[in-house]
Amino acid sequence: MTEDVKRRVPDVDRAAAARRAVERRRARASLKRDLTMRVVAPQTVLDQAVSDPESTAGSLRVPDFLTALPAIGAGKRDRILAELHISPVKRLGGLGVRQRRALRAWLDARFPVPAPRAGRSRLLVLAGPTAVGKGTVAAHIREHHPEIHLSVSATTRAPRPGEKDGVHYFFVDDAEFDRMIAEGDLLEHATVHNRFRYGTPRAPIERALAAGKTVLLEIDLQGARQVRAADPAATLVFLLPPSWDELVHRLVGRGTEDAEERARRLRTAKVELAAQGEFDYRVVNENVAEAAREVVELAADSAR
C-alpha cells in the first residue's frame, strides 16, 4: 500500500464515523420530539433501551430523556435524578437494575398507561391526530373486511380529490347539518380545526348493531369523547404515527392544506396526542395493512 493510500484510508474512516455520529444525533433528536409530542410512551422507550442498549433509545442520556417529557424542566429533572439516585451522565441503556426499576415506577406514576376495560361493546371508535391515516386504514378495512360495518360520516367540507359522496363522507351544507342536529340524527358531531363540521349519522349504526354486526367509527377526538359519553362500553382505539416527523411529512406531502392550515392542524395534533390516555388501545400506523389488521383483531375481541 502506498503512503498516499495509507493517508486516505483514515480520512475515509473518519468521514464515515462523522456521518454515523450525525445520524445518531438526528435519531436521538427525533426520538426526543416523539417523547415531547407523546407519539411514543416513555415506558416504551425505556423498554427499548433495556432490550437493546446500543439502540437510539439506549444511547439517550437520562437527563435528555427526562427533559423531553412534557412539563419536565431542568430543575424538576435534577430533582428526579437525585430522588432516583441516577447520575446525570448515565444513558438509558446503561442503567442498573435498581435504577431501571425506580425510573419505571416513577414513569408509571407520572404517565400511567390505562388498562383495557372489560365489558366492551361492538361499537369500535378509531381516532387520532390529523394526517395519521385514519381514513386510509378505515378504507383498507372497508375493502378487505366487509363483515365490519364502517360508518360514513357527514361533513360540511368539500370533497377532496377521489372522494365520493356516500362512500367516504356524506357531503352536506350547513343548513342540512343543522337539520340533522336538530332532529337528533347524529350520534356525535363536532367542529374540527375551527372550520368544518363532522358528524356520525345515528340510524345506520343502530341498524348494524341490531343486526349483530361490529361497527367501526372513524372520527376525531371530540367525536370519540361524545361516543364514550353516549356509550361507555364503546371500544376506543387511538391511531398513532410512527414518529412526529413522519406525521409532519404526511401532512405536508398530501398537499391538501396551505401553510397556515397545516400549522393549525399541527397545533391541534399536539392536543390530540396528549389525549391518547383516554383510549383503550393504541395502534401505530407505520404500515396500513398491519395497522388495519390490529384494528380488526380488536374488533373481533369486542364482538366476543
C-alpha atoms as a PDB file:
ATOM      1  CA  MET A   1       0.000   0.000   0.000  1.00  0.00           C
ATOM      2  CA  THR A   2       1.436   3.366  -0.994  1.00  0.00           C
ATOM      3  CA  GLU A   3       1.854   6.181   1.520  1.00  0.00           C
ATOM      4  CA  ASP A   4      -0.787   8.205  -0.330  1.00  0.00           C
ATOM      5  CA  VAL A   5      -3.347   5.386   0.014  1.00  0.00           C
ATOM      6  CA  LYS A   6      -2.455   4.916   3.698  1.00  0.00           C
ATOM      7  CA  ARG A   7      -3.161   8.580   4.304  1.00  0.00           C
ATOM      8  CA  ARG A   8      -6.522   8.422   2.503  1.00  0.00           C
ATOM      9  CA  VAL A   9      -7.890   5.356   4.385  1.00  0.00           C
ATOM     10  CA  PRO A  10      -8.001   7.070   7.821  1.00  0.00           C
ATOM     11  CA  ASP A  11      -9.654  10.079   6.168  1.00  0.00           C
ATOM     12  CA  VAL A  12     -12.377   7.806   4.761  1.00  0.00           C
ATOM     13  CA  ASP A  13     -12.863   6.133   8.148  1.00  0.00           C
ATOM     14  CA  ARG A  14     -13.151   9.482   9.884  1.00  0.00           C
ATOM     15  CA  ALA A  15     -15.700  10.722   7.352  1.00  0.00           C
ATOM     16  CA  ALA A  16     -17.807   7.571   7.785  1.00  0.00           C
ATOM     17  CA  ALA A  17     -17.624   7.871  11.570  1.00  0.00           C
ATOM     18  CA  ALA A  18     -18.666  11.516  11.361  1.00  0.00           C
ATOM     19  CA  ARG A  19     -21.683  10.588   9.211  1.00  0.00           C
ATOM     20  CA  ARG A  20     -22.700   7.882  11.682  1.00  0.00           C
ATOM     21  CA  ALA A  21     -22.387  10.336  14.565  1.00  0.00           C
ATOM     22  CA  VAL A  22     -24.621  12.835  12.750  1.00  0.00           C
ATOM     23  CA  GLU A  23     -27.183  10.111  12.035  1.00  0.00           C
ATOM     24  CA  ARG A  24     -27.203   9.057  15.696  1.00  0.00           C
ATOM     25  CA  ARG A  25     -27.708  12.657  16.835  1.00  0.00           C
ATOM     26  CA  ARG A  26     -30.595  13.094  14.384  1.00  0.00           C
ATOM     27  CA  ALA A  27     -32.172   9.843  15.543  1.00  0.00           C
ATOM     28  CA  ARG A  28     -31.937  10.920  19.184  1.00  0.00           C
ATOM     29  CA  ALA A  29     -33.381  14.347  18.349  1.00  0.00           C
ATOM     30  CA  SER A  30     -36.278  12.670  16.531  1.00  0.00           C
ATOM     31  CA  LEU A  31     -36.907  10.357  19.481  1.00  0.00           C
ATOM     32  CA  LYS A  32     -36.944  13.308  21.877  1.00  0.00           C
ATOM     33  CA  ARG A  33     -39.536  15.049  19.673  1.00  0.00           C
ATOM     34  CA  ASP A  34     -41.641  11.894  19.794  1.00  0.00           C
ATOM     35  CA  LEU A  35     -41.487  11.910  23.585  1.00  0.00           C
ATOM     36  CA  THR A  36     -42.356  15.605  23.782  1.00  0.00           C
ATOM     37  CA  MET A  37     -45.298  15.227  21.391  1.00  0.00           C
ATOM     38  CA  ARG A  38     -46.423  11.997  23.149  1.00  0.00           C
ATOM     39  CA  VAL A  39     -46.107   9.976  19.960  1.00  0.00           C
ATOM     40  CA  VAL A  40     -44.336   7.289  21.988  1.00  0.00           C
ATOM     41  CA  ALA A  41     -44.820   6.376  25.637  1.00  0.00           C
ATOM     42  CA  PRO A  42     -41.743   6.911  27.849  1.00  0.00           C
ATOM     43  CA  GLN A  43     -42.172   3.370  29.195  1.00  0.00           C
ATOM     44  CA  THR A  44     -41.824   2.068  25.640  1.00  0.00           C
ATOM     45  CA  VAL A  45     -38.567   3.985  25.159  1.00  0.00           C
ATOM     46  CA  LEU A  46     -37.206   2.631  28.447  1.00  0.00           C
ATOM     47  CA  ASP A  47     -38.135  -0.919  27.410  1.00  0.00           C
ATOM     48  CA  GLN A  48     -36.351  -0.445  24.073  1.00  0.00           C
ATOM     49  CA  ALA A  49     -33.252   0.845  25.868  1.00  0.00           C
ATOM     50  CA  VAL A  50     -33.191  -2.133  28.218  1.00  0.00           C
ATOM     51  CA  SER A  51     -33.653  -4.696  25.434  1.00  0.00           C
ATOM     52  CA  ASP A  52     -31.028  -3.044  23.193  1.00  0.00           C
ATOM     53  CA  PRO A  53     -28.566  -0.696  24.957  1.00  0.00           C
ATOM     54  CA  GLU A  54     -26.959   0.111  21.575  1.00  0.00           C
ATOM     55  CA  SER A  55     -30.238   1.373  20.110  1.00  0.00           C
ATOM     56  CA  THR A  56     -31.206   5.019  19.758  1.00  0.00           C
ATOM     57  CA  ALA A  57     -33.229   4.715  22.963  1.00  0.00           C
ATOM     58  CA  GLY A  58     -30.336   3.044  24.750  1.00  0.00           C
ATOM     59  CA  SER A  59     -27.900   5.815  23.769  1.00  0.00           C
ATOM     60  CA  LEU A  60     -30.169   8.593  25.066  1.00  0.00           C
ATOM     61  CA  ARG A  61     -28.829  10.249  28.197  1.00  0.00           C
ATOM     62  CA  VAL A  62     -31.247  10.091  31.119  1.00  0.00           C
ATOM     63  CA  PRO A  63     -31.311  13.916  31.624  1.00  0.00           C
ATOM     64  CA  ASP A  64     -32.202  14.391  27.943  1.00  0.00           C
ATOM     65  CA  PHE A  65     -34.855  11.679  28.251  1.00  0.00           C
ATOM     66  CA  LEU A  66     -36.459  13.399  31.228  1.00  0.00           C
ATOM     67  CA  THR A  67     -36.463  16.930  29.798  1.00  0.00           C
ATOM     68  CA  ALA A  68     -38.053  15.580  26.601  1.00  0.00           C
ATOM     69  CA  LEU A  69     -41.078  14.549  28.661  1.00  0.00           C
ATOM     70  CA  PRO A  70     -43.995  17.004  28.896  1.00  0.00           C
ATOM     71  CA  ALA A  71     -43.750  19.538  31.744  1.00  0.00           C
ATOM     72  CA  ILE A  72     -40.283  18.429  32.899  1.00  0.00           C
ATOM     73  CA  GLY A  73     -37.814  21.327  33.065  1.00  0.00           C
ATOM     74  CA  ALA A  74     -34.204  21.425  34.172  1.00  0.00           C
ATOM     75  CA  GLY A  75     -34.983  21.982  37.845  1.00  0.00           C
ATOM     76  CA  LYS A  76     -37.509  19.179  38.052  1.00  0.00           C
ATOM     77  CA  ARG A  77     -35.178  16.920  36.049  1.00  0.00           C
ATOM     78  CA  ASP A  78     -32.378  17.407  38.575  1.00  0.00           C
ATOM     79  CA  ARG A  79     -34.698  16.655  41.488  1.00  0.00           C
ATOM     80  CA  ILE A  80     -35.891  13.457  39.809  1.00  0.00           C
ATOM     81  CA  LEU A  81     -32.323  12.303  39.144  1.00  0.00           C
ATOM     82  CA  ALA A  82     -31.434  12.907  42.789  1.00  0.00           C
ATOM     83  CA  GLU A  83     -34.532  11.099  44.060  1.00  0.00           C
ATOM     84  CA  LEU A  84     -33.863   8.093  41.834  1.00  0.00           C
ATOM     85  CA  HIS A  85     -30.117   8.101  42.561  1.00  0.00           C
ATOM     86  CA  ILE A  86     -29.230   8.303  38.859  1.00  0.00           C
ATOM     87  CA  SER A  87     -26.070  10.062  37.703  1.00  0.00           C
ATOM     88  CA  PRO A  88     -26.623  12.796  35.078  1.00  0.00           C
ATOM     89  CA  VAL A  89     -24.032  11.138  32.832  1.00  0.00           C
ATOM     90  CA  LYS A  90     -25.982   7.863  32.664  1.00  0.00           C
ATOM     91  CA  ARG A  91     -27.583   6.672  29.444  1.00  0.00           C
ATOM     92  CA  LEU A  92     -30.896   4.796  29.422  1.00  0.00           C
ATOM     93  CA  GLY A  93     -29.203   1.666  28.162  1.00  0.00           C
ATOM     94  CA  GLY A  94     -26.600   1.783  30.930  1.00  0.00           C
ATOM     95  CA  LEU A  95     -28.897   1.925  33.950  1.00  0.00           C
ATOM     96  CA  GLY A  96     -28.565  -0.709  36.630  1.00  0.00           C
ATOM     97  CA  VAL A  97     -31.438  -2.999  37.578  1.00  0.00           C
ATOM     98  CA  ARG A  98     -32.450  -0.941  40.625  1.00  0.00           C
ATOM     99  CA  GLN A  99     -32.224   2.320  38.692  1.00  0.00           C
ATOM    100  CA  ARG A 100     -34.375   0.905  35.888  1.00  0.00           C
ATOM    101  CA  ARG A 101     -36.996  -0.243  38.378  1.00  0.00           C
ATOM    102  CA  ALA A 102     -37.011   3.128  40.116  1.00  0.00           C
ATOM    103  CA  LEU A 103     -37.321   5.029  36.835  1.00  0.00           C
ATOM    104  CA  ARG A 104     -40.082   2.714  35.608  1.00  0.00           C
ATOM    105  CA  ALA A 105     -42.047   3.162  38.826  1.00  0.00           C
ATOM    106  CA  TRP A 106     -41.707   6.941  38.527  1.00  0.00           C
ATOM    107  CA  LEU A 107     -42.876   6.848  34.893  1.00  0.00           C
ATOM    108  CA  ASP A 108     -45.871   4.652  35.708  1.00  0.00           C
ATOM    109  CA  ALA A 109     -46.901   7.064  38.461  1.00  0.00           C
ATOM    110  CA  ARG A 110     -46.390  10.194  36.341  1.00  0.00           C
ATOM    111  CA  PHE A 111     -47.578   8.840  32.945  1.00  0.00           C
ATOM    112  CA  PRO A 112     -49.957   5.953  33.732  1.00  0.00           C
ATOM    113  CA  VAL A 113     -50.954   3.650  30.879  1.00  0.00           C
ATOM    114  CA  PRO A 114     -54.643   2.730  31.243  1.00  0.00           C
ATOM    115  CA  ALA A 115     -55.581  -0.945  31.138  1.00  0.00           C
ATOM    116  CA  PRO A 116     -58.270  -2.052  28.641  1.00  0.00           C
ATOM    117  CA  ARG A 117     -61.732  -2.075  30.171  1.00  0.00           C
ATOM    118  CA  ALA A 118     -63.922  -5.150  30.466  1.00  0.00           C
ATOM    119  CA  GLY A 119     -67.444  -5.356  29.055  1.00  0.00           C
ATOM    120  CA  ARG A 120     -66.782  -3.542  25.795  1.00  0.00           C
ATOM    121  CA  SER A 121     -69.416  -3.262  23.067  1.00  0.00           C
ATOM    122  CA  ARG A 122     -69.301  -3.953  19.330  1.00  0.00           C
ATOM    123  CA  LEU A 123     -69.068  -0.212  18.711  1.00  0.00           C
ATOM    124  CA  LEU A 124     -65.426   0.482  17.819  1.00  0.00           C
ATOM    125  CA  VAL A 125     -64.109   4.049  17.548  1.00  0.00           C
ATOM    126  CA  LEU A 126     -60.942   4.856  15.593  1.00  0.00           C
ATOM    127  CA  ALA A 127     -59.494   8.308  16.246  1.00  0.00           C
ATOM    128  CA  GLY A 128     -56.127  10.032  16.113  1.00  0.00           C
ATOM    129  CA  PRO A 129     -54.337  13.216  15.088  1.00  0.00           C
ATOM    130  CA  THR A 130     -54.604  14.864  11.705  1.00  0.00           C
ATOM    131  CA  ALA A 131     -52.787  13.155   8.792  1.00  0.00           C
ATOM    132  CA  VAL A 132     -52.183   9.980  10.815  1.00  0.00           C
ATOM    133  CA  GLY A 133     -54.036   7.970   8.178  1.00  0.00           C
ATOM    134  CA  LYS A 134     -57.363   7.198   9.866  1.00  0.00           C
ATOM    135  CA  GLY A 135     -59.223   7.349   6.574  1.00  0.00           C
ATOM    136  CA  THR A 136     -56.677   5.168   4.782  1.00  0.00           C
ATOM    137  CA  VAL A 137     -56.794   2.494   7.482  1.00  0.00           C
ATOM    138  CA  ALA A 138     -60.600   2.624   7.540  1.00  0.00           C
ATOM    139  CA  ALA A 139     -60.721   2.311   3.728  1.00  0.00           C
ATOM    140  CA  HIS A 140     -58.467  -0.763   3.902  1.00  0.00           C
ATOM    141  CA  ILE A 141     -60.834  -2.337   6.439  1.00  0.00           C
ATOM    142  CA  ARG A 142     -63.844  -1.481   4.255  1.00  0.00           C
ATOM    143  CA  GLU A 143     -62.238  -3.209   1.262  1.00  0.00           C
ATOM    144  CA  HIS A 144     -60.901  -6.309   2.984  1.00  0.00           C
ATOM    145  CA  HIS A 145     -63.306  -6.871   5.890  1.00  0.00           C
ATOM    146  CA  PRO A 146     -66.923  -6.478   4.714  1.00  0.00           C
ATOM    147  CA  GLU A 147     -68.113  -8.161   7.925  1.00  0.00           C
ATOM    148  CA  ILE A 148     -67.343  -4.894   9.727  1.00  0.00           C
ATOM    149  CA  HIS A 149     -69.796  -2.078   9.159  1.00  0.00           C
ATOM    150  CA  LEU A 150     -67.853   1.119   8.525  1.00  0.00           C
ATOM    151  CA  SER A 151     -69.852   4.195   9.465  1.00  0.00           C
ATOM    152  CA  VAL A 152     -69.907   7.028   6.925  1.00  0.00           C
ATOM    153  CA  SER A 153     -69.698  10.474   8.483  1.00  0.00           C
ATOM    154  CA  ALA A 154     -71.413  13.641   7.342  1.00  0.00           C
ATOM    155  CA  THR A 155     -69.262  16.728   6.820  1.00  0.00           C
ATOM    156  CA  THR A 156     -69.630  20.303   5.686  1.00  0.00           C
ATOM    157  CA  ARG A 157     -66.215  20.393   3.985  1.00  0.00           C
ATOM    158  CA  ALA A 158     -65.829  19.947   0.227  1.00  0.00           C
ATOM    159  CA  PRO A 159     -64.719  16.573  -1.186  1.00  0.00           C
ATOM    160  CA  ARG A 160     -61.007  16.021  -1.694  1.00  0.00           C
ATOM    161  CA  PRO A 161     -59.792  14.541  -4.994  1.00  0.00           C
ATOM    162  CA  GLY A 162     -61.015  10.947  -5.306  1.00  0.00           C
ATOM    163  CA  GLU A 163     -63.589  11.151  -2.505  1.00  0.00           C
ATOM    164  CA  LYS A 164     -67.147  10.026  -3.314  1.00  0.00           C
ATOM    165  CA  ASP A 165     -70.342  11.170  -1.645  1.00  0.00           C
ATOM    166  CA  GLY A 166     -71.902   8.381   0.398  1.00  0.00           C
ATOM    167  CA  VAL A 167     -68.727   6.299   0.311  1.00  0.00           C
ATOM    168  CA  HIS A 168     -66.075   8.388   2.045  1.00  0.00           C
ATOM    169  CA  TYR A 169     -68.444  11.008   3.526  1.00  0.00           C
ATOM    170  CA  PHE A 170     -71.907  12.423   3.140  1.00  0.00           C
ATOM    171  CA  PHE A 171     -71.083  15.908   1.914  1.00  0.00           C
ATOM    172  CA  VAL A 172     -73.762  18.333   3.149  1.00  0.00           C
ATOM    173  CA  ASP A 173     -74.164  22.073   3.534  1.00  0.00           C
ATOM    174  CA  ASP A 174     -74.521  23.893   6.857  1.00  0.00           C
ATOM    175  CA  ALA A 175     -78.319  24.025   6.643  1.00  0.00           C
ATOM    176  CA  GLU A 176     -78.601  20.259   6.259  1.00  0.00           C
ATOM    177  CA  PHE A 177     -76.106  19.691   9.059  1.00  0.00           C
ATOM    178  CA  ASP A 178     -78.162  21.970  11.325  1.00  0.00           C
ATOM    179  CA  ARG A 179     -81.285  19.967  10.472  1.00  0.00           C
ATOM    180  CA  MET A 180     -79.566  16.673  11.340  1.00  0.00           C
ATOM    181  CA  ILE A 181     -78.522  18.072  14.739  1.00  0.00           C
ATOM    182  CA  ALA A 182     -81.984  19.490  15.467  1.00  0.00           C
ATOM    183  CA  GLU A 183     -83.731  16.210  14.663  1.00  0.00           C
ATOM    184  CA  GLY A 184     -81.284  14.083  16.667  1.00  0.00           C
ATOM    185  CA  ASP A 185     -79.982  12.269  13.596  1.00  0.00           C
ATOM    186  CA  LEU A 186     -76.335  12.413  14.712  1.00  0.00           C
ATOM    187  CA  LEU A 187     -74.706  10.208  17.343  1.00  0.00           C
ATOM    188  CA  GLU A 188     -71.926  12.768  17.675  1.00  0.00           C
ATOM    189  CA  HIS A 189     -70.831  15.931  15.930  1.00  0.00           C
ATOM    190  CA  ALA A 190     -68.038  18.466  16.237  1.00  0.00           C
ATOM    191  CA  THR A 191     -66.325  21.374  14.550  1.00  0.00           C
ATOM    192  CA  VAL A 192     -62.820  20.273  13.550  1.00  0.00           C
ATOM    193  CA  HIS A 193     -59.817  22.602  13.129  1.00  0.00           C
ATOM    194  CA  ASN A 194     -62.194  25.540  13.748  1.00  0.00           C
ATOM    195  CA  ARG A 195     -63.504  25.256  10.219  1.00  0.00           C
ATOM    196  CA  PHE A 196     -65.695  22.324   9.168  1.00  0.00           C
ATOM    197  CA  ARG A 197     -68.287  20.236  10.961  1.00  0.00           C
ATOM    198  CA  TYR A 198     -68.338  16.454  11.079  1.00  0.00           C
ATOM    199  CA  GLY A 199     -70.966  14.113  12.472  1.00  0.00           C
ATOM    200  CA  THR A 200     -71.957  10.433  12.607  1.00  0.00           C
ATOM    201  CA  PRO A 201     -75.463   9.532  11.377  1.00  0.00           C
ATOM    202  CA  ARG A 202     -77.179   7.526  14.104  1.00  0.00           C
ATOM    203  CA  ALA A 203     -79.651   5.322  12.160  1.00  0.00           C
ATOM    204  CA  PRO A 204     -77.184   3.198  10.110  1.00  0.00           C
ATOM    205  CA  ILE A 205     -75.194   2.412  13.278  1.00  0.00           C
ATOM    206  CA  GLU A 206     -78.263   1.341  15.226  1.00  0.00           C
ATOM    207  CA  ARG A 207     -79.389  -0.911  12.351  1.00  0.00           C
ATOM    208  CA  ALA A 208     -75.961  -2.559  12.048  1.00  0.00           C
ATOM    209  CA  LEU A 209     -75.642  -3.166  15.801  1.00  0.00           C
ATOM    210  CA  ALA A 210     -79.187  -4.591  15.908  1.00  0.00           C
ATOM    211  CA  ALA A 211     -78.159  -6.998  13.142  1.00  0.00           C
ATOM    212  CA  GLY A 212     -75.256  -8.236  15.284  1.00  0.00           C
ATOM    213  CA  LYS A 213     -72.508  -6.526  13.314  1.00  0.00           C
ATOM    214  CA  THR A 214     -69.412  -4.789  14.633  1.00  0.00           C
ATOM    215  CA  VAL A 215     -69.455  -1.081  13.747  1.00  0.00           C
ATOM    216  CA  LEU A 216     -66.326   0.986  13.165  1.00  0.00           C
ATOM    217  CA  LEU A 217     -66.456   4.763  13.516  1.00  0.00           C
ATOM    218  CA  GLU A 218     -63.536   6.758  12.092  1.00  0.00           C
ATOM    219  CA  ILE A 219     -63.884  10.124  13.825  1.00  0.00           C
ATOM    220  CA  ASP A 220     -61.958  12.873  15.610  1.00  0.00           C
ATOM    221  CA  LEU A 221     -61.116  13.252  19.306  1.00  0.00           C
ATOM    222  CA  GLN A 222     -64.175  15.376  20.128  1.00  0.00           C
ATOM    223  CA  GLY A 223     -66.436  12.817  18.500  1.00  0.00           C
ATOM    224  CA  ALA A 224     -64.760   9.938  20.315  1.00  0.00           C
ATOM    225  CA  ARG A 225     -65.433  11.652  23.644  1.00  0.00           C
ATOM    226  CA  GLN A 226     -69.090  12.129  22.748  1.00  0.00           C
ATOM    227  CA  VAL A 227     -69.440   8.472  21.778  1.00  0.00           C
ATOM    228  CA  ARG A 228     -67.827   7.394  25.059  1.00  0.00           C
ATOM    229  CA  ALA A 229     -70.316   9.585  26.923  1.00  0.00           C
ATOM    230  CA  ALA A 230     -73.256   8.124  24.950  1.00  0.00           C
ATOM    231  CA  ASP A 231     -71.994   4.520  25.154  1.00  0.00           C
ATOM    232  CA  PRO A 232     -69.421   3.997  27.936  1.00  0.00           C
ATOM    233  CA  ALA A 233     -68.840   0.428  26.714  1.00  0.00           C
ATOM    234  CA  ALA A 234     -67.601   1.573  23.280  1.00  0.00           C
ATOM    235  CA  THR A 235     -64.061   0.471  22.427  1.00  0.00           C
ATOM    236  CA  LEU A 236     -61.799   3.450  21.720  1.00  0.00           C
ATOM    237  CA  VAL A 237     -58.683   2.949  19.569  1.00  0.00           C
ATOM    238  CA  PHE A 238     -56.110   5.717  19.095  1.00  0.00           C
ATOM    239  CA  LEU A 239     -54.099   5.645  15.855  1.00  0.00           C
ATOM    240  CA  LEU A 240     -50.526   6.893  16.264  1.00  0.00           C
ATOM    241  CA  PRO A 241     -47.941   7.905  13.650  1.00  0.00           C
ATOM    242  CA  PRO A 242     -44.551   6.115  13.664  1.00  0.00           C
ATOM    243  CA  SER A 243     -42.980   9.444  14.661  1.00  0.00           C
ATOM    244  CA  TRP A 244     -43.768  13.139  14.878  1.00  0.00           C
ATOM    245  CA  ASP A 245     -41.503  13.810  11.884  1.00  0.00           C
ATOM    246  CA  GLU A 246     -43.483  11.287   9.832  1.00  0.00           C
ATOM    247  CA  LEU A 247     -46.767  12.939  10.824  1.00  0.00           C
ATOM    248  CA  VAL A 248     -45.461  16.310   9.607  1.00  0.00           C
ATOM    249  CA  HIS A 249     -44.200  14.670   6.415  1.00  0.00           C
ATOM    250  CA  ARG A 250     -47.597  13.098   5.716  1.00  0.00           C
ATOM    251  CA  LEU A 251     -49.447  16.344   6.311  1.00  0.00           C
ATOM    252  CA  VAL A 252     -47.147  18.311   4.025  1.00  0.00           C
ATOM    253  CA  GLY A 253     -46.978  15.532   1.445  1.00  0.00           C
ATOM    254  CA  ARG A 254     -50.689  15.213   0.827  1.00  0.00           C
ATOM    255  CA  GLY A 255     -50.781  18.870  -0.296  1.00  0.00           C
ATOM    256  CA  THR A 256     -54.432  19.494   0.572  1.00  0.00           C
ATOM    257  CA  GLU A 257     -53.811  22.380   3.001  1.00  0.00           C
ATOM    258  CA  ASP A 258     -51.953  25.664   2.761  1.00  0.00           C
ATOM    259  CA  ALA A 259     -49.157  26.594   5.193  1.00  0.00           C
ATOM    260  CA  GLU A 260     -51.494  28.357   7.627  1.00  0.00           C
ATOM    261  CA  GLU A 261     -53.882  25.410   7.717  1.00  0.00           C
ATOM    262  CA  ARG A 262     -51.015  22.933   8.194  1.00  0.00           C
ATOM    263  CA  ALA A 263     -49.723  24.943  11.160  1.00  0.00           C
ATOM    264  CA  ARG A 264     -53.228  24.986  12.663  1.00  0.00           C
ATOM    265  CA  ARG A 265     -53.592  21.225  12.221  1.00  0.00           C
ATOM    266  CA  LEU A 266     -50.212  20.514  13.793  1.00  0.00           C
ATOM    267  CA  ARG A 267     -51.173  22.580  16.836  1.00  0.00           C
ATOM    268  CA  THR A 268     -54.357  20.536  17.077  1.00  0.00           C
ATOM    269  CA  ALA A 269     -52.377  17.306  16.651  1.00  0.00           C
ATOM    270  CA  LYS A 270     -50.319  18.116  19.757  1.00  0.00           C
ATOM    271  CA  VAL A 271     -53.511  18.434  21.791  1.00  0.00           C
ATOM    272  CA  GLU A 272     -54.950  15.237  20.300  1.00  0.00           C
ATOM    273  CA  LEU A 273     -51.805  13.219  21.021  1.00  0.00           C
ATOM    274  CA  ALA A 274     -51.893  14.370  24.646  1.00  0.00           C
ATOM    275  CA  ALA A 275     -55.364  12.802  24.981  1.00  0.00           C
ATOM    276  CA  GLN A 276     -54.413   9.277  23.927  1.00  0.00           C
ATOM    277  CA  GLY A 277     -54.565   8.129  27.547  1.00  0.00           C
ATOM    278  CA  GLU A 278     -58.367   8.373  27.305  1.00  0.00           C
ATOM    279  CA  PHE A 279     -58.371   5.491  24.814  1.00  0.00           C
ATOM    280  CA  ASP A 280     -58.448   1.745  25.440  1.00  0.00           C
ATOM    281  CA  TYR A 281     -55.857   0.811  22.818  1.00  0.00           C
ATOM    282  CA  ARG A 282     -53.134   2.415  20.748  1.00  0.00           C
ATOM    283  CA  VAL A 283     -52.167   1.254  17.235  1.00  0.00           C
ATOM    284  CA  VAL A 284     -49.157   2.623  15.333  1.00  0.00           C
ATOM    285  CA  ASN A 285     -49.843   3.268  11.641  1.00  0.00           C
ATOM    286  CA  GLU A 286     -46.440   2.540  10.153  1.00  0.00           C
ATOM    287  CA  ASN A 287     -47.914   0.101   7.621  1.00  0.00           C
ATOM    288  CA  VAL A 288     -51.563   0.481   6.620  1.00  0.00           C
ATOM    289  CA  ALA A 289     -52.290  -3.232   6.214  1.00  0.00           C
ATOM    290  CA  GLU A 290     -50.686  -4.072   9.557  1.00  0.00           C
ATOM    291  CA  ALA A 291     -52.493  -1.256  11.381  1.00  0.00           C
ATOM    292  CA  ALA A 292     -55.793  -2.356   9.824  1.00  0.00           C
ATOM    293  CA  ARG A 293     -55.127  -5.949  10.918  1.00  0.00           C
ATOM    294  CA  GLU A 294     -54.595  -4.822  14.512  1.00  0.00           C
ATOM    295  CA  VAL A 295     -57.818  -2.804  14.492  1.00  0.00           C
ATOM    296  CA  VAL A 296     -59.755  -5.759  13.042  1.00  0.00           C
ATOM    297  CA  GLU A 297     -58.383  -8.036  15.750  1.00  0.00           C
ATOM    298  CA  LEU A 298     -59.580  -5.561  18.384  1.00  0.00           C
ATOM    299  CA  ALA A 299     -62.981  -5.539  16.680  1.00  0.00           C
ATOM    300  CA  ALA A 300     -63.088  -9.347  16.865  1.00  0.00           C
ATOM    301  CA  ASP A 301     -62.219  -9.258  20.566  1.00  0.00           C
ATOM    302  CA  SER A 302     -65.000  -6.755  21.194  1.00  0.00           C
ATOM    303  CA  ALA A 303     -67.526  -8.939  19.377  1.00  0.00           C
ATOM    304  CA  ARG A 304     -66.873 -11.935  21.656  1.00  0.00           C
END
